[in-house]
Amino acid sequence: TLMEGSRYAKRLPIGKLDVIRNCSPETVRNFYHKWYHPKRMAVVAVGDFDQCCPGGARGVVGHISALFGVDPPGEWREAP
């Protein structure tokens, strides 16, 4: 598959249903503050950019970089 060998291929986007239903709001907040950081995100853009967007694919990459390429507030933690 496209993401073979990565954690994206092994994990559900929102998590396991039994965990979501049984964890406390505090647990969710702690998980969010620990792991949800823009440096851990991936952006996937799909389309015929050369036909629809100014600058084609390079223009789309530039636009995404402009939107997401800043260091946000919050502490960065290395993944275990």
N, C-alpha and C. Protein backbone atom coordinates (compact mmCIF):
# COMPACT_ATOMS: atom_id res chain seq x y z
N THR A 1 0.83 -1.19 0.00
CA THR A 1 0.00 0.00 0.00
C THR A 1 0.87 1.25 0.00
N LEU A 2 0.23 2.36 -0.17
CA LEU A 2 0.94 3.63 -0.24
C LEU A 2 1.73 3.93 1.03
N MET A 3 1.16 3.61 2.17
CA MET A 3 1.80 3.95 3.44
C MET A 3 2.36 2.72 4.15
N GLU A 4 2.67 1.69 3.41
CA GLU A 4 3.20 0.46 3.99
C GLU A 4 4.45 0.75 4.81
N GLY A 5 4.50 0.19 6.00
CA GLY A 5 5.65 0.39 6.88
C GLY A 5 5.52 1.59 7.80
N SER A 6 4.48 2.41 7.60
CA SER A 6 4.30 3.57 8.47
C SER A 6 3.20 3.28 9.49
N ARG A 7 3.15 4.09 10.51
CA ARG A 7 2.10 3.93 11.52
C ARG A 7 0.73 4.32 10.96
N TYR A 8 0.71 5.15 9.93
CA TYR A 8 -0.58 5.53 9.32
C TYR A 8 -1.33 4.29 8.82
N ALA A 9 -0.61 3.32 8.32
CA ALA A 9 -1.24 2.12 7.78
C ALA A 9 -1.78 1.21 8.88
N LYS A 10 -1.30 1.37 10.10
CA LYS A 10 -1.67 0.47 11.20
C LYS A 10 -2.69 1.05 12.15
N ARG A 11 -2.96 2.35 12.08
CA ARG A 11 -3.80 2.99 13.08
C ARG A 11 -5.04 3.62 12.45
N LEU A 12 -6.12 3.56 13.19
CA LEU A 12 -7.34 4.24 12.76
C LEU A 12 -7.19 5.73 13.03
N PRO A 13 -7.79 6.58 12.21
CA PRO A 13 -7.62 8.02 12.39
C PRO A 13 -8.12 8.53 13.74
N ILE A 14 -9.19 7.97 14.24
CA ILE A 14 -9.76 8.49 15.48
C ILE A 14 -9.43 7.63 16.69
N GLY A 15 -8.99 6.42 16.49
CA GLY A 15 -8.66 5.54 17.59
C GLY A 15 -9.60 4.36 17.69
N LYS A 16 -9.32 3.48 18.63
CA LYS A 16 -10.15 2.30 18.83
C LYS A 16 -11.43 2.69 19.57
N LEU A 17 -12.56 2.17 19.09
CA LEU A 17 -13.86 2.55 19.63
C LEU A 17 -14.00 2.25 21.11
N ASP A 18 -13.51 1.10 21.58
CA ASP A 18 -13.64 0.77 23.00
C ASP A 18 -12.85 1.73 23.88
N VAL A 19 -11.72 2.20 23.40
CA VAL A 19 -10.92 3.18 24.15
C VAL A 19 -11.64 4.52 24.19
N ILE A 20 -12.16 4.95 23.07
CA ILE A 20 -12.86 6.24 23.00
C ILE A 20 -14.07 6.26 23.93
N ARG A 21 -14.81 5.17 23.94
CA ARG A 21 -16.03 5.11 24.76
C ARG A 21 -15.74 5.03 26.26
N ASN A 22 -14.57 4.56 26.64
CA ASN A 22 -14.31 4.30 28.06
C ASN A 22 -13.26 5.19 28.70
N CYS A 23 -12.69 6.13 28.00
CA CYS A 23 -11.68 6.97 28.63
C CYS A 23 -12.32 8.26 29.15
N SER A 24 -11.63 8.87 30.09
CA SER A 24 -12.14 10.10 30.70
C SER A 24 -11.81 11.31 29.84
N PRO A 25 -12.57 12.40 29.99
CA PRO A 25 -12.24 13.64 29.28
C PRO A 25 -10.82 14.12 29.60
N GLU A 26 -10.37 13.93 30.83
CA GLU A 26 -9.02 14.34 31.21
C GLU A 26 -7.97 13.54 30.41
N THR A 27 -8.21 12.26 30.22
CA THR A 27 -7.30 11.43 29.43
C THR A 27 -7.22 11.92 28.00
N VAL A 28 -8.36 12.29 27.43
CA VAL A 28 -8.39 12.81 26.06
C VAL A 28 -7.61 14.12 25.98
N ARG A 29 -7.84 15.02 26.93
CA ARG A 29 -7.11 16.29 26.94
C ARG A 29 -5.61 16.08 27.07
N ASN A 30 -5.19 15.20 27.96
CA ASN A 30 -3.76 14.93 28.14
C ASN A 30 -3.14 14.34 26.88
N PHE A 31 -3.85 13.41 26.25
CA PHE A 31 -3.37 12.83 25.00
C PHE A 31 -3.24 13.90 23.92
N TYR A 32 -4.23 14.75 23.82
CA TYR A 32 -4.21 15.82 22.83
C TYR A 32 -3.00 16.73 23.04
N HIS A 33 -2.81 17.18 24.25
CA HIS A 33 -1.69 18.10 24.51
C HIS A 33 -0.33 17.45 24.32
N LYS A 34 -0.26 16.15 24.52
CA LYS A 34 1.01 15.45 24.36
C LYS A 34 1.33 15.15 22.89
N TRP A 35 0.33 14.72 22.13
CA TRP A 35 0.61 14.17 20.81
C TRP A 35 0.12 15.00 19.63
N TYR A 36 -0.88 15.83 19.78
CA TYR A 36 -1.41 16.58 18.64
C TYR A 36 -0.62 17.86 18.45
N HIS A 37 0.34 17.78 17.60
CA HIS A 37 1.22 18.91 17.31
C HIS A 37 1.40 18.96 15.79
N PRO A 38 1.36 20.13 15.19
CA PRO A 38 1.48 20.21 13.73
C PRO A 38 2.72 19.52 13.16
N LYS A 39 3.79 19.42 13.91
CA LYS A 39 4.99 18.75 13.40
C LYS A 39 4.78 17.25 13.25
N ARG A 40 3.70 16.73 13.82
CA ARG A 40 3.39 15.30 13.70
C ARG A 40 2.32 15.04 12.64
N MET A 41 1.84 16.08 12.00
CA MET A 41 0.77 15.92 11.02
C MET A 41 1.30 15.66 9.62
N ALA A 42 0.48 15.06 8.84
CA ALA A 42 0.78 14.85 7.42
C ALA A 42 -0.35 15.47 6.61
N VAL A 43 0.00 16.14 5.55
CA VAL A 43 -0.99 16.70 4.63
C VAL A 43 -0.88 15.93 3.34
N VAL A 44 -2.01 15.42 2.88
CA VAL A 44 -2.06 14.68 1.62
C VAL A 44 -2.94 15.47 0.67
N ALA A 45 -2.38 15.90 -0.44
CA ALA A 45 -3.12 16.65 -1.45
C ALA A 45 -3.19 15.80 -2.71
N VAL A 46 -4.40 15.62 -3.21
CA VAL A 46 -4.62 14.78 -4.38
C VAL A 46 -5.41 15.57 -5.41
N GLY A 47 -4.95 15.55 -6.63
CA GLY A 47 -5.70 16.23 -7.69
C GLY A 47 -4.83 16.53 -8.89
N ASP A 48 -5.47 17.04 -9.91
CA ASP A 48 -4.78 17.43 -11.13
C ASP A 48 -4.42 18.91 -11.01
N PHE A 49 -3.42 19.20 -10.20
CA PHE A 49 -3.10 20.57 -9.85
C PHE A 49 -2.59 21.39 -11.03
N ASP A 50 -1.96 20.73 -11.98
CA ASP A 50 -1.45 21.47 -13.14
C ASP A 50 -2.60 22.06 -13.97
N GLN A 51 -3.78 21.47 -13.87
CA GLN A 51 -4.93 21.95 -14.64
C GLN A 51 -5.77 22.96 -13.88
N CYS A 52 -5.76 22.92 -12.56
CA CYS A 52 -6.73 23.72 -11.81
C CYS A 52 -6.13 24.81 -10.92
N CYS A 53 -4.86 24.76 -10.65
CA CYS A 53 -4.30 25.66 -9.64
C CYS A 53 -3.17 26.51 -10.21
N PRO A 54 -3.16 27.81 -9.86
CA PRO A 54 -2.04 28.65 -10.29
C PRO A 54 -0.72 28.09 -9.76
N GLY A 55 0.22 27.90 -10.64
CA GLY A 55 1.51 27.34 -10.24
C GLY A 55 1.54 25.83 -10.22
N GLY A 56 0.42 25.20 -10.52
CA GLY A 56 0.36 23.74 -10.56
C GLY A 56 0.69 23.12 -9.22
N ALA A 57 1.30 21.96 -9.26
CA ALA A 57 1.63 21.22 -8.04
C ALA A 57 2.58 22.02 -7.14
N ARG A 58 3.53 22.72 -7.74
CA ARG A 58 4.45 23.53 -6.93
C ARG A 58 3.71 24.65 -6.21
N GLY A 59 2.70 25.19 -6.85
CA GLY A 59 1.89 26.23 -6.21
C GLY A 59 1.12 25.69 -5.02
N VAL A 60 0.61 24.47 -5.15
CA VAL A 60 -0.11 23.84 -4.05
C VAL A 60 0.83 23.57 -2.88
N VAL A 61 2.02 23.06 -3.18
CA VAL A 61 3.01 22.82 -2.12
C VAL A 61 3.36 24.14 -1.42
N GLY A 62 3.54 25.19 -2.18
CA GLY A 62 3.84 26.49 -1.59
C GLY A 62 2.71 27.00 -0.71
N HIS A 63 1.48 26.81 -1.16
CA HIS A 63 0.32 27.25 -0.37
C HIS A 63 0.22 26.45 0.93
N ILE A 64 0.40 25.15 0.85
CA ILE A 64 0.37 24.31 2.05
C ILE A 64 1.49 24.71 3.00
N SER A 65 2.67 24.94 2.48
CA SER A 65 3.80 25.36 3.31
C SER A 65 3.52 26.68 4.01
N ALA A 66 2.88 27.60 3.28
CA ALA A 66 2.56 28.90 3.88
C ALA A 66 1.55 28.74 5.02
N LEU A 67 0.61 27.83 4.87
CA LEU A 67 -0.41 27.63 5.89
C LEU A 67 0.10 26.85 7.10
N PHE A 68 0.91 25.82 6.85
CA PHE A 68 1.31 24.91 7.91
C PHE A 68 2.78 24.97 8.27
N GLY A 69 3.56 25.79 7.61
CA GLY A 69 5.00 25.80 7.82
C GLY A 69 5.47 26.74 8.90
N VAL A 70 4.62 27.05 9.87
CA VAL A 70 5.03 27.91 10.98
C VAL A 70 5.12 27.09 12.24
N ASP A 71 5.98 27.49 13.14
CA ASP A 71 6.07 26.81 14.43
C ASP A 71 4.95 27.30 15.33
N PRO A 72 4.02 26.43 15.68
CA PRO A 72 2.91 26.84 16.54
C PRO A 72 3.32 26.89 18.00
N PRO A 73 2.50 27.52 18.83
CA PRO A 73 2.79 27.48 20.26
C PRO A 73 2.58 26.07 20.78
N GLY A 74 3.17 25.77 21.88
CA GLY A 74 3.02 24.44 22.47
C GLY A 74 4.35 23.72 22.50
N GLU A 75 4.45 22.87 23.46
CA GLU A 75 5.71 22.15 23.66
C GLU A 75 5.84 21.00 22.67
N TRP A 76 7.01 20.87 22.07
CA TRP A 76 7.30 19.75 21.17
C TRP A 76 7.91 18.63 21.98
N ARG A 77 7.41 17.41 21.81
CA ARG A 77 7.95 16.25 22.49
C ARG A 77 8.29 15.19 21.46
N GLU A 78 9.42 14.58 21.62
CA GLU A 78 9.81 13.50 20.73
C GLU A 78 8.90 12.30 20.95
N ALA A 79 8.60 11.61 19.89
CA ALA A 79 7.79 10.40 20.00
C ALA A 79 8.64 9.29 20.63
N PRO A 80 8.00 8.42 21.39
CA PRO A 80 8.77 7.34 22.02
C PRO A 80 9.23 6.33 20.98
